[in-house]
Amino acid sequence: MARAIVYTEFGSPDVLHLIEVPDPIALSGEAVVRIEAAGVNPIDAKLRSAKRPSPPITEPRGVGFDGAGVIDSVGDGVETFGVGDRVAIRDTVGTYASHLAVSVEKLVALPDSVTSAEGAGIGIPAGTAFQALRSLGVAQGDVVLVHGGSGSVGQAAVQFAVAWGATVVATASPARHEQLRELGAIPVAYGEGLLDRVRDAAPDGVTVALDCAGTDEAIEVSLELVADRDRIATIVRGPDAASFGIRAFSGGSPEPLTPQELEWRAEALAATVDLLATGDFTIELGPELPLAEAAQAHELVESGAASGKIVLVP
């Protein structure tokens, strides 16, 4: 029997339970992946707690969208992957599990130089950052302000923007500034006086702002600095983004992602794996916990007590 983390009611992390489930079978176009690492993302906890709306629970609901592992079997028509291949998974419900059947469209091959923990840390953070920057038209010569630059999405956004030739100013606590410098950003501390600090860091002005923090300060400073509000976006304040006249990508936004934006999110997985393999991208890894300790992982995510990507290991 396979094992999976599920919940049957909304609530605190205590509603998460490890259960045995039937071994998955690869249908046509699918592969069964033996999960070696599952990425833990804030959206997992928001859905579990009903802070982010989702359909009523009618049966045990799986958790997690990102993961990495090894293919155990493939279904009919699968020619791009075979048994024993290492893969990263994106956008597939239920990655907090020992085994999972996954559409091969949601898989990317992992080279030996990329660990399973790194592969599990790509999907949502890198996909969100990649799509947001593409939607904002970030290119060489832009000056990009990333609020919350030390988080998983923020770090990915910094690295993509730098790779595309932009200058990046990123907010974070002083303890995280050296890390942001290593990623290629100009770090500034958030808090009182942020507007002046960003102006000092970017004397020629800011052309794009991406809010990964969700604070009023982040929105206000972005509005003050970026002339074109179509080049300001939030991934956190979706419900009230329109009231500021700015864009929102998920984060509770009532506006769904466009087909092009969904395509960019899908494209990010392979693009990030390629950059990781050449040493041109870094994923900060955090606590690694056993699958049975999923509740503790959610507590860490919700409290913000851990730095780096939290992963669960079956």
C-alpha atoms as a PDB file:
ATOM      1  CA  MET A   1       0.000   0.000   0.000  1.00  0.00           C
ATOM      2  CA  ALA A   2       1.095   3.553  -0.716  1.00  0.00           C
ATOM      3  CA  ARG A   3       0.944   6.251   1.944  1.00  0.00           C
ATOM      4  CA  ALA A   4      -0.419   9.779   1.685  1.00  0.00           C
ATOM      5  CA  ILE A   5      -1.195  12.812   3.809  1.00  0.00           C
ATOM      6  CA  VAL A   6      -4.878  13.762   3.633  1.00  0.00           C
ATOM      7  CA  TYR A   7      -7.478  15.827   5.452  1.00  0.00           C
ATOM      8  CA  THR A   8     -11.235  15.362   5.708  1.00  0.00           C
ATOM      9  CA  GLU A   9     -12.101  18.739   7.260  1.00  0.00           C
ATOM     10  CA  PHE A  10     -10.701  22.238   7.193  1.00  0.00           C
ATOM     11  CA  GLY A  11      -8.781  23.411  10.218  1.00  0.00           C
ATOM     12  CA  SER A  12      -5.445  23.565  11.979  1.00  0.00           C
ATOM     13  CA  PRO A  13      -2.432  21.446  10.967  1.00  0.00           C
ATOM     14  CA  ASP A  14      -3.830  18.747  13.252  1.00  0.00           C
ATOM     15  CA  VAL A  15      -6.393  17.810  10.580  1.00  0.00           C
ATOM     16  CA  LEU A  16      -3.557  16.326   8.479  1.00  0.00           C
ATOM     17  CA  HIS A  17      -3.319  12.542   8.722  1.00  0.00           C
ATOM     18  CA  LEU A  18      -1.034   9.925   7.213  1.00  0.00           C
ATOM     19  CA  ILE A  19      -3.047   7.035   5.791  1.00  0.00           C
ATOM     20  CA  GLU A  20      -2.541   4.013   3.577  1.00  0.00           C
ATOM     21  CA  VAL A  21      -4.027   4.275   0.099  1.00  0.00           C
ATOM     22  CA  PRO A  22      -4.214   1.855  -2.824  1.00  0.00           C
ATOM     23  CA  ASP A  23      -1.069   1.736  -4.928  1.00  0.00           C
ATOM     24  CA  PRO A  24      -1.591   4.136  -7.840  1.00  0.00           C
ATOM     25  CA  ILE A  25      -1.802   2.770 -11.381  1.00  0.00           C
ATOM     26  CA  ALA A  26      -0.445   4.678 -14.364  1.00  0.00           C
ATOM     27  CA  LEU A  27      -3.217   5.300 -16.864  1.00  0.00           C
ATOM     28  CA  SER A  28      -2.616   6.329 -20.461  1.00  0.00           C
ATOM     29  CA  GLY A  29      -0.274   9.324 -20.555  1.00  0.00           C
ATOM     30  CA  GLU A  30       0.705   8.928 -16.903  1.00  0.00           C
ATOM     31  CA  ALA A  31       3.647   7.723 -14.853  1.00  0.00           C
ATOM     32  CA  VAL A  32       3.683   6.496 -11.269  1.00  0.00           C
ATOM     33  CA  VAL A  33       6.363   8.400  -9.390  1.00  0.00           C
ATOM     34  CA  ARG A  34       7.939   7.136  -6.180  1.00  0.00           C
ATOM     35  CA  ILE A  35       8.135  10.432  -4.312  1.00  0.00           C
ATOM     36  CA  GLU A  36      11.519  11.229  -2.770  1.00  0.00           C
ATOM     37  CA  ALA A  37      10.689  14.792  -1.706  1.00  0.00           C
ATOM     38  CA  ALA A  38       7.503  16.878  -1.591  1.00  0.00           C
ATOM     39  CA  GLY A  39       7.714  20.661  -1.550  1.00  0.00           C
ATOM     40  CA  VAL A  40       5.718  22.454   1.152  1.00  0.00           C
ATOM     41  CA  ASN A  41       4.209  25.772   0.026  1.00  0.00           C
ATOM     42  CA  PRO A  42       2.127  28.426   1.825  1.00  0.00           C
ATOM     43  CA  ILE A  43      -0.825  27.689  -0.478  1.00  0.00           C
ATOM     44  CA  ASP A  44      -0.965  24.146   0.971  1.00  0.00           C
ATOM     45  CA  ALA A  45      -1.637  25.546   4.433  1.00  0.00           C
ATOM     46  CA  LYS A  46      -4.046  28.184   3.160  1.00  0.00           C
ATOM     47  CA  LEU A  47      -6.171  25.568   1.426  1.00  0.00           C
ATOM     48  CA  ARG A  48      -6.088  23.241   4.449  1.00  0.00           C
ATOM     49  CA  SER A  49      -7.213  26.022   6.782  1.00  0.00           C
ATOM     50  CA  ALA A  50      -9.831  27.405   4.328  1.00  0.00           C
ATOM     51  CA  LYS A  51      -8.059  30.771   4.255  1.00  0.00           C
ATOM     52  CA  ARG A  52      -8.085  30.220   0.504  1.00  0.00           C
ATOM     53  CA  PRO A  53     -11.490  29.046  -0.770  1.00  0.00           C
ATOM     54  CA  SER A  54     -11.761  25.581  -2.292  1.00  0.00           C
ATOM     55  CA  PRO A  55     -14.624  23.166  -3.068  1.00  0.00           C
ATOM     56  CA  PRO A  56     -16.344  21.302  -0.233  1.00  0.00           C
ATOM     57  CA  ILE A  57     -14.519  18.191   0.965  1.00  0.00           C
ATOM     58  CA  THR A  58     -16.392  15.065  -0.125  1.00  0.00           C
ATOM     59  CA  GLU A  59     -13.576  12.529   0.288  1.00  0.00           C
ATOM     60  CA  PRO A  60     -10.093  12.501   1.845  1.00  0.00           C
ATOM     61  CA  ARG A  61      -8.201  15.320   0.132  1.00  0.00           C
ATOM     62  CA  GLY A  62      -4.550  15.053  -0.806  1.00  0.00           C
ATOM     63  CA  VAL A  63      -2.066  17.819  -0.109  1.00  0.00           C
ATOM     64  CA  GLY A  64       0.820  19.339  -2.041  1.00  0.00           C
ATOM     65  CA  PHE A  65       1.467  20.330  -5.652  1.00  0.00           C
ATOM     66  CA  ASP A  66       5.253  20.035  -6.033  1.00  0.00           C
ATOM     67  CA  GLY A  67       7.558  17.062  -5.713  1.00  0.00           C
ATOM     68  CA  ALA A  68      10.370  14.972  -7.149  1.00  0.00           C
ATOM     69  CA  GLY A  69      11.203  11.302  -7.331  1.00  0.00           C
ATOM     70  CA  VAL A  70      11.776   8.264  -9.517  1.00  0.00           C
ATOM     71  CA  ILE A  71       9.391   6.711 -12.037  1.00  0.00           C
ATOM     72  CA  ASP A  72       8.194   3.241 -11.026  1.00  0.00           C
ATOM     73  CA  SER A  73       5.898   2.549 -13.990  1.00  0.00           C
ATOM     74  CA  VAL A  74       4.428   4.225 -17.060  1.00  0.00           C
ATOM     75  CA  GLY A  75       1.067   3.995 -18.773  1.00  0.00           C
ATOM     76  CA  ASP A  76       0.182   3.421 -22.406  1.00  0.00           C
ATOM     77  CA  GLY A  77       1.508   5.926 -24.882  1.00  0.00           C
ATOM     78  CA  VAL A  78       4.307   7.240 -22.662  1.00  0.00           C
ATOM     79  CA  GLU A  79       7.506   7.472 -24.681  1.00  0.00           C
ATOM     80  CA  THR A  80       9.293  10.468 -23.163  1.00  0.00           C
ATOM     81  CA  PHE A  81       9.971   8.823 -19.784  1.00  0.00           C
ATOM     82  CA  GLY A  82      10.834   5.343 -18.576  1.00  0.00           C
ATOM     83  CA  VAL A  83      11.120   3.343 -15.381  1.00  0.00           C
ATOM     84  CA  GLY A  84      13.992   4.594 -13.234  1.00  0.00           C
ATOM     85  CA  ASP A  85      13.985   8.160 -14.605  1.00  0.00           C
ATOM     86  CA  ARG A  86      14.385  10.926 -12.036  1.00  0.00           C
ATOM     87  CA  VAL A  87      11.752  13.650 -12.424  1.00  0.00           C
ATOM     88  CA  ALA A  88      10.406  16.857 -10.912  1.00  0.00           C
ATOM     89  CA  ILE A  89       6.634  17.312 -10.586  1.00  0.00           C
ATOM     90  CA  ARG A  90       4.564  20.472 -10.876  1.00  0.00           C
ATOM     91  CA  ASP A  91       0.911  21.361 -10.445  1.00  0.00           C
ATOM     92  CA  THR A  92      -0.253  17.897  -9.365  1.00  0.00           C
ATOM     93  CA  VAL A  93      -2.483  17.505  -6.306  1.00  0.00           C
ATOM     94  CA  GLY A  94      -1.319  15.033  -3.688  1.00  0.00           C
ATOM     95  CA  THR A  95       2.484  15.126  -3.741  1.00  0.00           C
ATOM     96  CA  TYR A  96       2.594  14.586   0.044  1.00  0.00           C
ATOM     97  CA  ALA A  97       2.680  10.845  -0.624  1.00  0.00           C
ATOM     98  CA  SER A  98       4.950   7.867  -1.118  1.00  0.00           C
ATOM     99  CA  HIS A  99       3.705   7.211  -4.673  1.00  0.00           C
ATOM    100  CA  LEU A 100       1.576   9.239  -7.077  1.00  0.00           C
ATOM    101  CA  ALA A 101       0.239   8.833 -10.610  1.00  0.00           C
ATOM    102  CA  VAL A 102       1.140  11.964 -12.578  1.00  0.00           C
ATOM    103  CA  SER A 103       0.397  13.129 -16.115  1.00  0.00           C
ATOM    104  CA  VAL A 104       3.710  13.171 -17.960  1.00  0.00           C
ATOM    105  CA  GLU A 105       2.895  16.725 -19.070  1.00  0.00           C
ATOM    106  CA  LYS A 106       3.557  17.729 -15.457  1.00  0.00           C
ATOM    107  CA  LEU A 107       7.005  16.086 -15.328  1.00  0.00           C
ATOM    108  CA  VAL A 108      10.508  17.264 -16.214  1.00  0.00           C
ATOM    109  CA  ALA A 109      13.611  15.089 -16.174  1.00  0.00           C
ATOM    110  CA  LEU A 110      16.037  15.782 -13.313  1.00  0.00           C
ATOM    111  CA  PRO A 111      19.773  15.457 -14.014  1.00  0.00           C
ATOM    112  CA  ASP A 112      21.934  13.803 -11.373  1.00  0.00           C
ATOM    113  CA  SER A 113      23.378  17.195 -10.408  1.00  0.00           C
ATOM    114  CA  VAL A 114      19.968  18.379  -9.143  1.00  0.00           C
ATOM    115  CA  THR A 115      18.780  16.813  -5.891  1.00  0.00           C
ATOM    116  CA  SER A 116      15.230  15.633  -5.297  1.00  0.00           C
ATOM    117  CA  ALA A 117      14.826  18.288  -2.586  1.00  0.00           C
ATOM    118  CA  GLU A 118      15.801  20.971  -5.102  1.00  0.00           C
ATOM    119  CA  GLY A 119      13.461  19.485  -7.687  1.00  0.00           C
ATOM    120  CA  ALA A 120      10.607  19.576  -5.165  1.00  0.00           C
ATOM    121  CA  GLY A 121      11.302  23.246  -4.499  1.00  0.00           C
ATOM    122  CA  ILE A 122      10.791  24.457  -8.050  1.00  0.00           C
ATOM    123  CA  GLY A 123       7.128  24.191  -9.067  1.00  0.00           C
ATOM    124  CA  ILE A 124       5.097  26.883  -7.338  1.00  0.00           C
ATOM    125  CA  PRO A 125       7.878  29.305  -6.301  1.00  0.00           C
ATOM    126  CA  ALA A 126       9.754  29.351  -9.600  1.00  0.00           C
ATOM    127  CA  GLY A 127       6.583  29.080 -11.668  1.00  0.00           C
ATOM    128  CA  THR A 128       5.033  32.046  -9.895  1.00  0.00           C
ATOM    129  CA  ALA A 129       8.153  34.204 -10.185  1.00  0.00           C
ATOM    130  CA  PHE A 130       8.815  33.311 -13.828  1.00  0.00           C
ATOM    131  CA  GLN A 131       5.233  33.991 -14.889  1.00  0.00           C
ATOM    132  CA  ALA A 132       4.953  37.219 -12.915  1.00  0.00           C
ATOM    133  CA  LEU A 133       8.102  38.672 -14.422  1.00  0.00           C
ATOM    134  CA  ARG A 134       7.098  37.584 -17.931  1.00  0.00           C
ATOM    135  CA  SER A 135       3.662  39.161 -17.441  1.00  0.00           C
ATOM    136  CA  LEU A 136       5.334  42.382 -16.307  1.00  0.00           C
ATOM    137  CA  GLY A 137       7.591  42.357 -19.351  1.00  0.00           C
ATOM    138  CA  VAL A 138      10.854  42.349 -17.416  1.00  0.00           C
ATOM    139  CA  ALA A 139      13.835  42.655 -19.727  1.00  0.00           C
ATOM    140  CA  GLN A 140      17.350  44.001 -19.937  1.00  0.00           C
ATOM    141  CA  GLY A 141      17.571  47.545 -18.639  1.00  0.00           C
ATOM    142  CA  ASP A 142      14.632  47.316 -16.246  1.00  0.00           C
ATOM    143  CA  VAL A 143      15.037  48.187 -12.572  1.00  0.00           C
ATOM    144  CA  VAL A 144      12.928  45.724 -10.606  1.00  0.00           C
ATOM    145  CA  LEU A 145      11.847  46.123  -6.984  1.00  0.00           C
ATOM    146  CA  VAL A 146      11.066  42.782  -5.332  1.00  0.00           C
ATOM    147  CA  HIS A 147       9.312  43.021  -1.966  1.00  0.00           C
ATOM    148  CA  GLY A 148      10.017  39.943   0.137  1.00  0.00           C
ATOM    149  CA  GLY A 149      13.149  39.037  -1.778  1.00  0.00           C
ATOM    150  CA  SER A 150      14.359  36.427   0.706  1.00  0.00           C
ATOM    151  CA  GLY A 151      11.311  34.151   0.372  1.00  0.00           C
ATOM    152  CA  SER A 152      11.148  31.263  -2.084  1.00  0.00           C
ATOM    153  CA  VAL A 153       9.252  33.232  -4.756  1.00  0.00           C
ATOM    154  CA  GLY A 154      11.296  36.356  -4.086  1.00  0.00           C
ATOM    155  CA  GLN A 155      14.608  34.553  -4.498  1.00  0.00           C
ATOM    156  CA  ALA A 156      13.419  33.005  -7.751  1.00  0.00           C
ATOM    157  CA  ALA A 157      12.250  36.400  -9.018  1.00  0.00           C
ATOM    158  CA  VAL A 158      15.600  37.981  -8.173  1.00  0.00           C
ATOM    159  CA  GLN A 159      17.504  35.294 -10.058  1.00  0.00           C
ATOM    160  CA  PHE A 160      15.310  35.321 -13.161  1.00  0.00           C
ATOM    161  CA  ALA A 161      15.346  39.119 -13.380  1.00  0.00           C
ATOM    162  CA  VAL A 162      19.132  39.264 -12.995  1.00  0.00           C
ATOM    163  CA  ALA A 163      19.535  36.534 -15.630  1.00  0.00           C
ATOM    164  CA  TRP A 164      17.392  38.582 -18.019  1.00  0.00           C
ATOM    165  CA  GLY A 165      19.572  41.670 -17.617  1.00  0.00           C
ATOM    166  CA  ALA A 166      17.562  43.690 -15.092  1.00  0.00           C
ATOM    167  CA  THR A 167      18.876  45.517 -12.045  1.00  0.00           C
ATOM    168  CA  VAL A 168      17.137  44.203  -8.938  1.00  0.00           C
ATOM    169  CA  VAL A 169      16.484  45.890  -5.596  1.00  0.00           C
ATOM    170  CA  ALA A 170      15.052  43.462  -3.050  1.00  0.00           C
ATOM    171  CA  THR A 171      13.637  44.009   0.431  1.00  0.00           C
ATOM    172  CA  ALA A 172      14.475  41.703   3.315  1.00  0.00           C
ATOM    173  CA  SER A 173      15.579  41.756   6.939  1.00  0.00           C
ATOM    174  CA  PRO A 174      19.245  42.743   7.352  1.00  0.00           C
ATOM    175  CA  ALA A 175      20.148  39.179   8.309  1.00  0.00           C
ATOM    176  CA  ARG A 176      19.262  38.096   4.771  1.00  0.00           C
ATOM    177  CA  HIS A 177      21.063  40.858   2.889  1.00  0.00           C
ATOM    178  CA  GLU A 178      24.276  38.975   2.162  1.00  0.00           C
ATOM    179  CA  GLN A 179      22.301  36.133   0.635  1.00  0.00           C
ATOM    180  CA  LEU A 180      20.485  38.558  -1.672  1.00  0.00           C
ATOM    181  CA  ARG A 181      23.788  40.104  -2.721  1.00  0.00           C
ATOM    182  CA  GLU A 182      25.023  36.637  -3.677  1.00  0.00           C
ATOM    183  CA  LEU A 183      21.933  36.233  -5.866  1.00  0.00           C
ATOM    184  CA  GLY A 184      22.727  39.504  -7.619  1.00  0.00           C
ATOM    185  CA  ALA A 185      20.298  41.899  -5.924  1.00  0.00           C
ATOM    186  CA  ILE A 186      20.809  45.182  -4.123  1.00  0.00           C
ATOM    187  CA  PRO A 187      19.295  44.502  -0.673  1.00  0.00           C
ATOM    188  CA  VAL A 188      17.370  47.059   1.366  1.00  0.00           C
ATOM    189  CA  ALA A 189      15.689  46.667   4.741  1.00  0.00           C
ATOM    190  CA  TYR A 190      11.920  46.944   4.895  1.00  0.00           C
ATOM    191  CA  GLY A 191      10.274  49.163   7.497  1.00  0.00           C
ATOM    192  CA  GLU A 192      10.175  52.877   8.147  1.00  0.00           C
ATOM    193  CA  GLY A 193      12.166  54.836   5.578  1.00  0.00           C
ATOM    194  CA  LEU A 194      11.921  52.144   2.880  1.00  0.00           C
ATOM    195  CA  LEU A 195      10.972  54.622   0.156  1.00  0.00           C
ATOM    196  CA  ASP A 196      14.141  56.667   0.680  1.00  0.00           C
ATOM    197  CA  ARG A 197      16.336  53.568   0.875  1.00  0.00           C
ATOM    198  CA  VAL A 198      15.008  52.270  -2.431  1.00  0.00           C
ATOM    199  CA  ARG A 199      15.548  55.668  -4.050  1.00  0.00           C
ATOM    200  CA  ASP A 200      19.137  55.664  -2.809  1.00  0.00           C
ATOM    201  CA  ALA A 201      19.647  52.127  -4.158  1.00  0.00           C
ATOM    202  CA  ALA A 202      18.045  52.951  -7.532  1.00  0.00           C
ATOM    203  CA  PRO A 203      18.749  56.648  -8.201  1.00  0.00           C
ATOM    204  CA  ASP A 204      17.638  56.370 -11.829  1.00  0.00           C
ATOM    205  CA  GLY A 205      14.217  55.084 -10.806  1.00  0.00           C
ATOM    206  CA  VAL A 206      12.286  51.820 -10.615  1.00  0.00           C
ATOM    207  CA  THR A 207      10.398  50.495 -13.637  1.00  0.00           C
ATOM    208  CA  VAL A 208       8.801  47.318 -12.223  1.00  0.00           C
ATOM    209  CA  ALA A 209       7.621  46.222  -8.761  1.00  0.00           C
ATOM    210  CA  LEU A 210       6.651  42.731  -7.636  1.00  0.00           C
ATOM    211  CA  ASP A 211       5.073  42.351  -4.203  1.00  0.00           C
ATOM    212  CA  CYS A 212       5.820  39.005  -2.573  1.00  0.00           C
ATOM    213  CA  ALA A 213       5.295  40.383   0.952  1.00  0.00           C
ATOM    214  CA  GLY A 214       1.692  41.570   0.984  1.00  0.00           C
ATOM    215  CA  THR A 215       2.217  44.543   3.293  1.00  0.00           C
ATOM    216  CA  ASP A 216       0.655  47.976   2.926  1.00  0.00           C
ATOM    217  CA  GLU A 217       4.188  49.359   2.879  1.00  0.00           C
ATOM    218  CA  ALA A 218       5.078  47.253  -0.150  1.00  0.00           C
ATOM    219  CA  ILE A 219       2.031  48.471  -2.079  1.00  0.00           C
ATOM    220  CA  GLU A 220       2.469  52.119  -1.102  1.00  0.00           C
ATOM    221  CA  VAL A 221       6.171  52.243  -1.964  1.00  0.00           C
ATOM    222  CA  SER A 222       5.553  50.520  -5.297  1.00  0.00           C
ATOM    223  CA  LEU A 223       2.856  53.020  -6.219  1.00  0.00           C
ATOM    224  CA  GLU A 224       5.136  55.897  -5.315  1.00  0.00           C
ATOM    225  CA  LEU A 225       8.079  54.636  -7.354  1.00  0.00           C
ATOM    226  CA  VAL A 226       6.638  52.980 -10.480  1.00  0.00           C
ATOM    227  CA  ALA A 227       4.915  55.297 -12.928  1.00  0.00           C
ATOM    228  CA  ASP A 228       3.146  52.590 -14.943  1.00  0.00           C
ATOM    229  CA  ARG A 229       0.753  50.737 -12.635  1.00  0.00           C
ATOM    230  CA  ASP A 230       0.443  47.980 -15.206  1.00  0.00           C
ATOM    231  CA  ARG A 231       4.030  47.100 -14.212  1.00  0.00           C
ATOM    232  CA  ILE A 232       3.186  46.689 -10.526  1.00  0.00           C
ATOM    233  CA  ALA A 233       1.901  43.312  -9.363  1.00  0.00           C
ATOM    234  CA  THR A 234       1.230  41.375  -6.195  1.00  0.00           C
ATOM    235  CA  ILE A 235       1.153  37.624  -5.624  1.00  0.00           C
ATOM    236  CA  VAL A 236      -0.356  38.065  -2.139  1.00  0.00           C
ATOM    237  CA  ARG A 237      -2.954  40.841  -2.187  1.00  0.00           C
ATOM    238  CA  GLY A 238      -5.132  39.456  -4.960  1.00  0.00           C
ATOM    239  CA  PRO A 239      -8.513  40.380  -3.431  1.00  0.00           C
ATOM    240  CA  ASP A 240      -7.769  44.113  -3.180  1.00  0.00           C
ATOM    241  CA  ALA A 241      -5.200  44.600  -5.950  1.00  0.00           C
ATOM    242  CA  ALA A 242      -7.773  46.170  -8.278  1.00  0.00           C
ATOM    243  CA  SER A 243      -8.538  48.862  -5.712  1.00  0.00           C
ATOM    244  CA  PHE A 244      -4.918  50.028  -6.046  1.00  0.00           C
ATOM    245  CA  GLY A 245      -5.018  49.824  -9.813  1.00  0.00           C
ATOM    246  CA  ILE A 246      -2.308  47.161  -9.888  1.00  0.00           C
ATOM    247  CA  ARG A 247      -2.135  43.625 -11.223  1.00  0.00           C
ATOM    248  CA  ALA A 248      -2.463  40.395  -9.248  1.00  0.00           C
ATOM    249  CA  PHE A 249      -1.336  36.922 -10.177  1.00  0.00           C
ATOM    250  CA  SER A 250      -3.181  34.328  -8.090  1.00  0.00           C
ATOM    251  CA  GLY A 251      -2.764  35.241  -4.401  1.00  0.00           C
ATOM    252  CA  GLY A 252      -6.518  35.146  -4.018  1.00  0.00           C
ATOM    253  CA  SER A 253      -7.150  37.219  -7.132  1.00  0.00           C
ATOM    254  CA  PRO A 254     -10.663  36.870  -8.586  1.00  0.00           C
ATOM    255  CA  GLU A 255      -9.100  37.097 -12.051  1.00  0.00           C
ATOM    256  CA  PRO A 256      -7.824  33.723 -13.298  1.00  0.00           C
ATOM    257  CA  LEU A 257      -4.462  33.378 -14.970  1.00  0.00           C
ATOM    258  CA  THR A 258      -4.582  33.622 -18.749  1.00  0.00           C
ATOM    259  CA  PRO A 259      -3.635  30.671 -20.983  1.00  0.00           C
ATOM    260  CA  GLN A 260      -0.338  32.434 -21.713  1.00  0.00           C
ATOM    261  CA  GLU A 261       0.377  32.884 -18.003  1.00  0.00           C
ATOM    262  CA  LEU A 262      -0.374  29.232 -17.326  1.00  0.00           C
ATOM    263  CA  GLU A 263       1.992  28.317 -20.151  1.00  0.00           C
ATOM    264  CA  TRP A 264       4.732  30.456 -18.592  1.00  0.00           C
ATOM    265  CA  ARG A 265       4.242  28.705 -15.244  1.00  0.00           C
ATOM    266  CA  ALA A 266       4.621  25.353 -16.954  1.00  0.00           C
ATOM    267  CA  GLU A 267       7.689  26.540 -18.860  1.00  0.00           C
ATOM    268  CA  ALA A 268       9.393  27.567 -15.622  1.00  0.00           C
ATOM    269  CA  LEU A 269       9.984  24.003 -14.404  1.00  0.00           C
ATOM    270  CA  ALA A 270      12.271  22.980 -17.259  1.00  0.00           C
ATOM    271  CA  ALA A 271      13.901  26.423 -17.400  1.00  0.00           C
ATOM    272  CA  THR A 272      14.764  26.264 -13.705  1.00  0.00           C
ATOM    273  CA  VAL A 273      16.079  22.696 -13.895  1.00  0.00           C
ATOM    274  CA  ASP A 274      18.391  23.788 -16.723  1.00  0.00           C
ATOM    275  CA  LEU A 275      19.680  26.733 -14.677  1.00  0.00           C
ATOM    276  CA  LEU A 276      20.188  24.537 -11.607  1.00  0.00           C
ATOM    277  CA  ALA A 277      22.134  22.023 -13.661  1.00  0.00           C
ATOM    278  CA  THR A 278      24.553  24.718 -14.882  1.00  0.00           C
ATOM    279  CA  GLY A 279      24.944  26.286 -11.453  1.00  0.00           C
ATOM    280  CA  ASP A 280      23.143  29.481 -12.476  1.00  0.00           C
ATOM    281  CA  PHE A 281      20.236  29.144 -10.045  1.00  0.00           C
ATOM    282  CA  THR A 282      20.036  28.404  -6.341  1.00  0.00           C
ATOM    283  CA  ILE A 283      17.213  26.994  -4.239  1.00  0.00           C
ATOM    284  CA  GLU A 284      17.657  27.635  -0.541  1.00  0.00           C
ATOM    285  CA  LEU A 285      16.771  24.401   1.220  1.00  0.00           C
ATOM    286  CA  GLY A 286      15.231  24.507   4.693  1.00  0.00           C
ATOM    287  CA  PRO A 287      14.048  21.812   7.106  1.00  0.00           C
ATOM    288  CA  GLU A 288      13.610  18.281   5.766  1.00  0.00           C
ATOM    289  CA  LEU A 289      10.925  16.389   7.675  1.00  0.00           C
ATOM    290  CA  PRO A 290       9.452  12.887   7.459  1.00  0.00           C
ATOM    291  CA  LEU A 291       6.137  12.644   5.615  1.00  0.00           C
ATOM    292  CA  ALA A 292       4.401  11.778   8.898  1.00  0.00           C
ATOM    293  CA  GLU A 293       5.364  15.211  10.253  1.00  0.00           C
ATOM    294  CA  ALA A 294       3.391  17.181   7.661  1.00  0.00           C
ATOM    295  CA  ALA A 295       1.522  18.994  10.450  1.00  0.00           C
ATOM    296  CA  GLN A 296       4.805  20.319  11.830  1.00  0.00           C
ATOM    297  CA  ALA A 297       5.807  21.423   8.340  1.00  0.00           C
ATOM    298  CA  HIS A 298       2.588  23.442   8.070  1.00  0.00           C
ATOM    299  CA  GLU A 299       3.203  24.979  11.484  1.00  0.00           C
ATOM    300  CA  LEU A 300       6.619  26.116  10.296  1.00  0.00           C
ATOM    301  CA  VAL A 301       5.188  27.570   7.083  1.00  0.00           C
ATOM    302  CA  GLU A 302       2.432  29.456   8.882  1.00  0.00           C
ATOM    303  CA  SER A 303       4.714  30.830  11.608  1.00  0.00           C
ATOM    304  CA  GLY A 304       7.501  31.819   9.241  1.00  0.00           C
ATOM    305  CA  ALA A 305       9.911  30.228  11.702  1.00  0.00           C
ATOM    306  CA  ALA A 306      11.998  28.435   9.070  1.00  0.00           C
ATOM    307  CA  SER A 307      14.123  29.815   6.269  1.00  0.00           C
ATOM    308  CA  GLY A 308      14.388  27.984   2.979  1.00  0.00           C
ATOM    309  CA  LYS A 309      12.225  25.440   1.228  1.00  0.00           C
ATOM    310  CA  ILE A 310      10.640  22.900   3.590  1.00  0.00           C
ATOM    311  CA  VAL A 311      10.391  19.421   2.110  1.00  0.00           C
ATOM    312  CA  LEU A 312       8.732  16.216   3.268  1.00  0.00           C
ATOM    313  CA  VAL A 313      10.461  12.881   2.726  1.00  0.00           C
ATOM    314  CA  PRO A 314       8.368   9.672   2.610  1.00  0.00           C
END
